[in-house]
Amino acid sequence: MRADDIQKAQQIGRESQFPIDAMHKAFKQNWEKSCKGTLLVDLENAE
């Protein structure tokens, strides 16, 4: 991402009310918590 004023861009991101930004904020707050995923494709064992 590019911005002429990085501090202004960061402030806009913090104050954003768009749903995608809310999802990103929630992800960043919870990324250390583990959640089980399901392996959809195993690229190492292509049998």
N, C-alpha and C. Protein backbone atom coordinates (compact mmCIF):
# COMPACT_ATOMS: atom_id res chain seq x y z
N MET A 1 0.85 -1.17 0.00
CA MET A 1 0.00 0.00 0.00
C MET A 1 0.89 1.23 0.00
N ARG A 2 0.45 2.25 -0.71
CA ARG A 2 1.20 3.50 -0.77
C ARG A 2 0.34 4.63 -0.24
N ALA A 3 0.98 5.57 0.43
CA ALA A 3 0.26 6.74 0.94
C ALA A 3 1.23 7.91 1.00
N ASP A 4 0.72 9.08 0.67
CA ASP A 4 1.56 10.28 0.78
C ASP A 4 1.80 10.64 2.24
N ASP A 5 0.83 10.37 3.09
CA ASP A 5 0.92 10.68 4.52
C ASP A 5 0.55 9.42 5.30
N ILE A 6 1.54 8.65 5.74
CA ILE A 6 1.30 7.36 6.39
C ILE A 6 0.53 7.52 7.69
N GLN A 7 0.81 8.58 8.45
CA GLN A 7 0.08 8.79 9.71
C GLN A 7 -1.40 9.04 9.46
N LYS A 8 -1.70 9.82 8.43
CA LYS A 8 -3.11 10.09 8.09
C LYS A 8 -3.78 8.80 7.62
N ALA A 9 -3.08 8.01 6.83
CA ALA A 9 -3.63 6.74 6.35
C ALA A 9 -3.91 5.79 7.51
N GLN A 10 -3.01 5.73 8.49
CA GLN A 10 -3.21 4.87 9.66
C GLN A 10 -4.41 5.35 10.48
N GLN A 11 -4.56 6.66 10.62
CA GLN A 11 -5.69 7.20 11.36
C GLN A 11 -7.00 6.86 10.66
N ILE A 12 -7.04 6.99 9.35
CA ILE A 12 -8.24 6.66 8.59
C ILE A 12 -8.58 5.19 8.77
N GLY A 13 -7.55 4.33 8.76
CA GLY A 13 -7.77 2.90 8.97
C GLY A 13 -8.33 2.59 10.35
N ARG A 14 -7.82 3.27 11.36
CA ARG A 14 -8.32 3.06 12.73
C ARG A 14 -9.76 3.51 12.89
N GLU A 15 -10.15 4.55 12.20
CA GLU A 15 -11.48 5.13 12.35
C GLU A 15 -12.49 4.59 11.36
N SER A 16 -12.08 3.75 10.46
CA SER A 16 -12.95 3.26 9.41
C SER A 16 -14.14 2.48 9.96
N GLN A 17 -15.29 2.66 9.36
CA GLN A 17 -16.51 1.95 9.76
C GLN A 17 -16.93 0.90 8.73
N PHE A 18 -16.08 0.66 7.72
CA PHE A 18 -16.41 -0.33 6.70
C PHE A 18 -16.34 -1.74 7.29
N PRO A 19 -17.26 -2.62 6.90
CA PRO A 19 -17.28 -3.99 7.44
C PRO A 19 -15.95 -4.75 7.23
N ILE A 20 -15.30 -4.55 6.10
CA ILE A 20 -14.05 -5.27 5.85
C ILE A 20 -12.97 -4.83 6.83
N ASP A 21 -12.96 -3.55 7.20
CA ASP A 21 -11.98 -3.07 8.17
C ASP A 21 -12.28 -3.60 9.58
N ALA A 22 -13.56 -3.74 9.91
CA ALA A 22 -13.94 -4.33 11.19
C ALA A 22 -13.46 -5.78 11.25
N MET A 23 -13.60 -6.49 10.14
CA MET A 23 -13.15 -7.88 10.09
C MET A 23 -11.63 -7.96 10.26
N HIS A 24 -10.90 -7.07 9.61
CA HIS A 24 -9.44 -7.05 9.75
C HIS A 24 -9.03 -6.75 11.18
N LYS A 25 -9.72 -5.81 11.82
CA LYS A 25 -9.40 -5.47 13.21
C LYS A 25 -9.64 -6.66 14.13
N ALA A 26 -10.76 -7.35 13.93
CA ALA A 26 -11.06 -8.53 14.75
C ALA A 26 -10.02 -9.61 14.52
N PHE A 27 -9.60 -9.80 13.29
CA PHE A 27 -8.58 -10.80 12.98
C PHE A 27 -7.27 -10.46 13.68
N LYS A 28 -6.86 -9.21 13.62
CA LYS A 28 -5.61 -8.80 14.25
C LYS A 28 -5.65 -8.99 15.76
N GLN A 29 -6.83 -8.78 16.36
CA GLN A 29 -6.95 -8.92 17.81
C GLN A 29 -6.96 -10.38 18.24
N ASN A 30 -7.35 -11.28 17.34
CA ASN A 30 -7.52 -12.68 17.71
C ASN A 30 -6.59 -13.64 16.98
N TRP A 31 -5.61 -13.15 16.26
CA TRP A 31 -4.81 -14.02 15.41
C TRP A 31 -3.97 -15.02 16.19
N GLU A 32 -3.64 -14.70 17.43
CA GLU A 32 -2.83 -15.63 18.22
C GLU A 32 -3.64 -16.81 18.74
N LYS A 33 -4.94 -16.65 18.85
CA LYS A 33 -5.78 -17.76 19.28
C LYS A 33 -5.83 -18.78 18.15
N SER A 34 -5.69 -20.00 18.51
CA SER A 34 -5.69 -21.01 17.45
C SER A 34 -7.11 -21.41 17.10
N CYS A 35 -7.28 -21.78 15.87
CA CYS A 35 -8.54 -22.36 15.46
C CYS A 35 -8.20 -23.48 14.49
N LYS A 36 -8.88 -24.59 14.67
CA LYS A 36 -8.63 -25.76 13.85
C LYS A 36 -9.11 -25.50 12.43
N GLY A 37 -8.27 -25.82 11.49
CA GLY A 37 -8.64 -25.72 10.09
C GLY A 37 -8.75 -27.11 9.50
N THR A 38 -9.32 -27.18 8.35
CA THR A 38 -9.47 -28.44 7.65
C THR A 38 -8.59 -28.41 6.42
N LEU A 39 -7.76 -29.42 6.27
CA LEU A 39 -6.89 -29.51 5.10
C LEU A 39 -7.75 -29.84 3.89
N LEU A 40 -7.76 -28.93 2.93
CA LEU A 40 -8.58 -29.13 1.74
C LEU A 40 -7.81 -29.86 0.65
N VAL A 41 -6.53 -29.53 0.52
CA VAL A 41 -5.69 -30.15 -0.51
C VAL A 41 -4.33 -30.42 0.12
N ASP A 42 -3.85 -31.64 0.01
CA ASP A 42 -2.54 -32.02 0.52
C ASP A 42 -1.58 -32.05 -0.67
N LEU A 43 -0.77 -31.00 -0.79
CA LEU A 43 0.14 -30.90 -1.92
C LEU A 43 1.38 -31.75 -1.77
N GLU A 44 1.65 -32.23 -0.57
CA GLU A 44 2.82 -33.07 -0.36
C GLU A 44 2.55 -34.53 -0.64
N ASN A 45 1.33 -34.97 -0.45
CA ASN A 45 0.98 -36.39 -0.65
C ASN A 45 -0.09 -36.49 -1.76
N ALA A 46 0.36 -36.25 -2.97
CA ALA A 46 -0.57 -36.25 -4.10
C ALA A 46 -0.80 -37.69 -4.57
N GLU A 47 -1.57 -38.44 -3.83
CA GLU A 47 -1.86 -39.85 -4.17
C GLU A 47 -3.19 -39.98 -4.87
